[in-house]
Amino acid sequence: MTPGSWLHSLDHNQPCQIISSETLWGEQIFCVWLPGQNTVTRVAAHRLTPLADERGSTLDQLLSLIHISEPTR
């Protein structure tokens, strides 16, 4: 899991992009961007899974979330 990687957040039930990671009290925590909510939050590593493992987390769904979260000009 490296910055820029796309995973599925079990806590938010949506794809997320890793921004950074840190160790907090011995647990690996990732700072992730949630395009569906257009927000950044922290998620424990054990609460993230590969996109391929989550049914319905397709590339089309991911692209739709990114498009929705982009500001209008």
N, C-alpha and C. Protein backbone atom coordinates (compact mmCIF):
# COMPACT_ATOMS: atom_id res chain seq x y z
N MET A 1 0.84 -1.17 0.00
CA MET A 1 0.00 0.00 0.00
C MET A 1 0.89 1.24 0.00
N THR A 2 0.86 1.94 -1.11
CA THR A 2 1.70 3.11 -1.26
C THR A 2 0.85 4.32 -1.67
N PRO A 3 1.35 5.53 -1.43
CA PRO A 3 0.60 6.72 -1.85
C PRO A 3 0.23 6.63 -3.34
N GLY A 4 -1.02 6.96 -3.61
CA GLY A 4 -1.53 6.89 -4.98
C GLY A 4 -2.30 5.61 -5.26
N SER A 5 -2.13 4.59 -4.41
CA SER A 5 -2.84 3.32 -4.59
C SER A 5 -4.33 3.49 -4.30
N TRP A 6 -5.14 2.72 -5.00
CA TRP A 6 -6.58 2.71 -4.78
C TRP A 6 -6.97 1.43 -4.05
N LEU A 7 -7.74 1.58 -2.98
CA LEU A 7 -8.21 0.46 -2.18
C LEU A 7 -9.70 0.66 -1.89
N HIS A 8 -10.27 -0.29 -1.16
CA HIS A 8 -11.67 -0.17 -0.74
C HIS A 8 -11.69 0.00 0.77
N SER A 9 -12.37 1.04 1.24
CA SER A 9 -12.51 1.27 2.68
C SER A 9 -13.74 0.52 3.18
N LEU A 10 -13.52 -0.41 4.08
CA LEU A 10 -14.64 -1.15 4.67
C LEU A 10 -15.49 -0.23 5.55
N ASP A 11 -14.86 0.75 6.18
CA ASP A 11 -15.59 1.67 7.06
C ASP A 11 -16.51 2.61 6.28
N HIS A 12 -16.14 2.94 5.05
CA HIS A 12 -16.90 3.90 4.26
C HIS A 12 -17.60 3.26 3.07
N ASN A 13 -17.34 1.97 2.84
CA ASN A 13 -17.94 1.21 1.76
C ASN A 13 -17.80 1.90 0.40
N GLN A 14 -16.56 2.33 0.13
CA GLN A 14 -16.27 2.98 -1.15
C GLN A 14 -14.78 2.94 -1.44
N PRO A 15 -14.43 3.13 -2.71
CA PRO A 15 -13.01 3.20 -3.06
C PRO A 15 -12.37 4.42 -2.40
N CYS A 16 -11.07 4.30 -2.13
CA CYS A 16 -10.33 5.43 -1.57
C CYS A 16 -8.91 5.40 -2.12
N GLN A 17 -8.28 6.56 -2.13
CA GLN A 17 -6.91 6.67 -2.61
C GLN A 17 -6.00 7.02 -1.45
N ILE A 18 -4.91 6.26 -1.32
CA ILE A 18 -3.96 6.51 -0.23
C ILE A 18 -3.19 7.78 -0.50
N ILE A 19 -3.13 8.63 0.51
CA ILE A 19 -2.35 9.87 0.44
C ILE A 19 -1.03 9.69 1.18
N SER A 20 -1.09 9.13 2.38
CA SER A 20 0.11 8.93 3.19
C SER A 20 -0.17 7.88 4.25
N SER A 21 0.89 7.48 4.95
CA SER A 21 0.71 6.51 6.04
C SER A 21 1.56 6.93 7.24
N GLU A 22 1.15 6.44 8.39
CA GLU A 22 1.88 6.69 9.62
C GLU A 22 1.61 5.55 10.58
N THR A 23 2.45 5.43 11.59
CA THR A 23 2.22 4.45 12.64
C THR A 23 1.78 5.19 13.89
N LEU A 24 0.63 4.80 14.40
CA LEU A 24 0.06 5.45 15.58
C LEU A 24 -0.22 4.39 16.62
N TRP A 25 0.44 4.47 17.76
CA TRP A 25 0.31 3.49 18.83
C TRP A 25 0.51 2.06 18.31
N GLY A 26 1.49 1.91 17.43
CA GLY A 26 1.86 0.59 16.92
C GLY A 26 0.97 0.08 15.80
N GLU A 27 0.03 0.87 15.33
CA GLU A 27 -0.88 0.45 14.26
C GLU A 27 -0.66 1.33 13.03
N GLN A 28 -0.61 0.68 11.85
CA GLN A 28 -0.45 1.45 10.62
C GLN A 28 -1.78 2.10 10.24
N ILE A 29 -1.72 3.41 10.05
CA ILE A 29 -2.89 4.21 9.72
C ILE A 29 -2.62 4.90 8.38
N PHE A 30 -3.62 4.92 7.51
CA PHE A 30 -3.49 5.57 6.23
C PHE A 30 -4.38 6.80 6.17
N CYS A 31 -3.84 7.86 5.63
CA CYS A 31 -4.61 9.05 5.31
C CYS A 31 -5.12 8.81 3.88
N VAL A 32 -6.43 8.80 3.69
CA VAL A 32 -7.01 8.46 2.39
C VAL A 32 -7.98 9.54 1.94
N TRP A 33 -8.13 9.63 0.62
CA TRP A 33 -9.13 10.52 0.01
C TRP A 33 -10.32 9.67 -0.39
N LEU A 34 -11.50 10.09 0.02
CA LEU A 34 -12.75 9.42 -0.33
C LEU A 34 -13.44 10.25 -1.41
N PRO A 35 -13.34 9.86 -2.67
CA PRO A 35 -13.93 10.68 -3.74
C PRO A 35 -15.45 10.79 -3.65
N GLY A 36 -16.11 9.78 -3.12
CA GLY A 36 -17.57 9.83 -3.01
C GLY A 36 -18.06 10.90 -2.06
N GLN A 37 -17.22 11.28 -1.10
CA GLN A 37 -17.56 12.32 -0.14
C GLN A 37 -16.68 13.55 -0.32
N ASN A 38 -15.69 13.43 -1.22
CA ASN A 38 -14.70 14.47 -1.46
C ASN A 38 -14.11 14.97 -0.14
N THR A 39 -13.62 13.99 0.64
CA THR A 39 -13.05 14.31 1.94
C THR A 39 -11.82 13.43 2.17
N VAL A 40 -11.01 13.85 3.12
CA VAL A 40 -9.82 13.11 3.52
C VAL A 40 -10.02 12.65 4.95
N THR A 41 -9.66 11.39 5.23
CA THR A 41 -9.81 10.85 6.58
C THR A 41 -8.72 9.82 6.84
N ARG A 42 -8.63 9.36 8.05
CA ARG A 42 -7.66 8.31 8.41
C ARG A 42 -8.40 6.98 8.57
N VAL A 43 -7.74 5.92 8.08
CA VAL A 43 -8.33 4.58 8.14
C VAL A 43 -7.23 3.61 8.55
N ALA A 44 -7.53 2.71 9.48
CA ALA A 44 -6.58 1.68 9.89
C ALA A 44 -6.33 0.72 8.72
N ALA A 45 -5.09 0.26 8.60
CA ALA A 45 -4.70 -0.61 7.49
C ALA A 45 -5.59 -1.85 7.38
N HIS A 46 -5.98 -2.43 8.52
CA HIS A 46 -6.78 -3.66 8.47
C HIS A 46 -8.22 -3.41 7.99
N ARG A 47 -8.60 -2.14 7.82
CA ARG A 47 -9.94 -1.80 7.33
C ARG A 47 -9.93 -1.44 5.85
N LEU A 48 -8.80 -1.70 5.17
CA LEU A 48 -8.67 -1.45 3.74
C LEU A 48 -8.43 -2.77 3.01
N THR A 49 -9.10 -2.95 1.87
CA THR A 49 -8.94 -4.17 1.08
C THR A 49 -8.70 -3.78 -0.38
N PRO A 50 -8.10 -4.68 -1.16
CA PRO A 50 -7.92 -4.39 -2.59
C PRO A 50 -9.28 -4.20 -3.27
N LEU A 51 -9.32 -3.33 -4.27
CA LEU A 51 -10.57 -3.08 -4.98
C LEU A 51 -11.12 -4.35 -5.60
N ALA A 52 -10.27 -5.22 -6.08
CA ALA A 52 -10.72 -6.45 -6.74
C ALA A 52 -11.47 -7.37 -5.79
N ASP A 53 -11.27 -7.21 -4.48
CA ASP A 53 -11.94 -8.06 -3.50
C ASP A 53 -13.37 -7.62 -3.22
N GLU A 54 -13.72 -6.41 -3.59
CA GLU A 54 -15.03 -5.88 -3.26
C GLU A 54 -15.94 -5.92 -4.48
N ARG A 55 -17.03 -6.62 -4.36
CA ARG A 55 -17.99 -6.73 -5.45
C ARG A 55 -18.59 -5.36 -5.76
N GLY A 56 -18.61 -5.01 -7.03
CA GLY A 56 -19.18 -3.74 -7.44
C GLY A 56 -18.20 -2.58 -7.43
N SER A 57 -16.99 -2.78 -6.94
CA SER A 57 -15.99 -1.72 -6.96
C SER A 57 -15.23 -1.80 -8.28
N THR A 58 -15.85 -1.32 -9.31
CA THR A 58 -15.26 -1.39 -10.64
C THR A 58 -14.57 -0.09 -10.98
N LEU A 59 -13.80 -0.13 -12.04
CA LEU A 59 -13.14 1.07 -12.51
C LEU A 59 -14.17 2.13 -12.90
N ASP A 60 -15.27 1.72 -13.52
CA ASP A 60 -16.32 2.67 -13.89
C ASP A 60 -16.89 3.37 -12.67
N GLN A 61 -17.12 2.61 -11.59
CA GLN A 61 -17.65 3.21 -10.36
C GLN A 61 -16.64 4.21 -9.79
N LEU A 62 -15.38 3.84 -9.80
CA LEU A 62 -14.33 4.71 -9.29
C LEU A 62 -14.26 6.00 -10.11
N LEU A 63 -14.28 5.88 -11.42
CA LEU A 63 -14.22 7.06 -12.27
C LEU A 63 -15.45 7.95 -12.07
N SER A 64 -16.60 7.35 -11.86
CA SER A 64 -17.82 8.13 -11.60
C SER A 64 -17.69 8.93 -10.31
N LEU A 65 -17.16 8.30 -9.27
CA LEU A 65 -16.98 9.00 -8.00
C LEU A 65 -16.01 10.16 -8.14
N ILE A 66 -14.93 9.95 -8.90
CA ILE A 66 -13.96 11.01 -9.09
C ILE A 66 -14.59 12.17 -9.86
N HIS A 67 -15.35 11.84 -10.89
CA HIS A 67 -15.99 12.88 -11.69
C HIS A 67 -16.99 13.68 -10.85
N ILE A 68 -17.75 13.01 -10.03
CA ILE A 68 -18.74 13.68 -9.17
C ILE A 68 -18.06 14.62 -8.18
N SER A 69 -16.89 14.23 -7.68
CA SER A 69 -16.23 15.01 -6.65
C SER A 69 -15.44 16.21 -7.19
N GLU A 70 -15.24 16.25 -8.52
CA GLU A 70 -14.50 17.38 -9.09
C GLU A 70 -15.35 18.64 -9.01
N PRO A 71 -14.71 19.77 -8.63
CA PRO A 71 -15.46 21.02 -8.56
C PRO A 71 -15.86 21.48 -9.96
N THR A 72 -17.01 22.11 -10.05
CA THR A 72 -17.44 22.65 -11.33
C THR A 72 -16.73 23.96 -11.59
N ARG A 73 -16.53 24.23 -12.84
CA ARG A 73 -15.79 25.46 -13.21
C ARG A 73 -16.67 26.43 -13.92
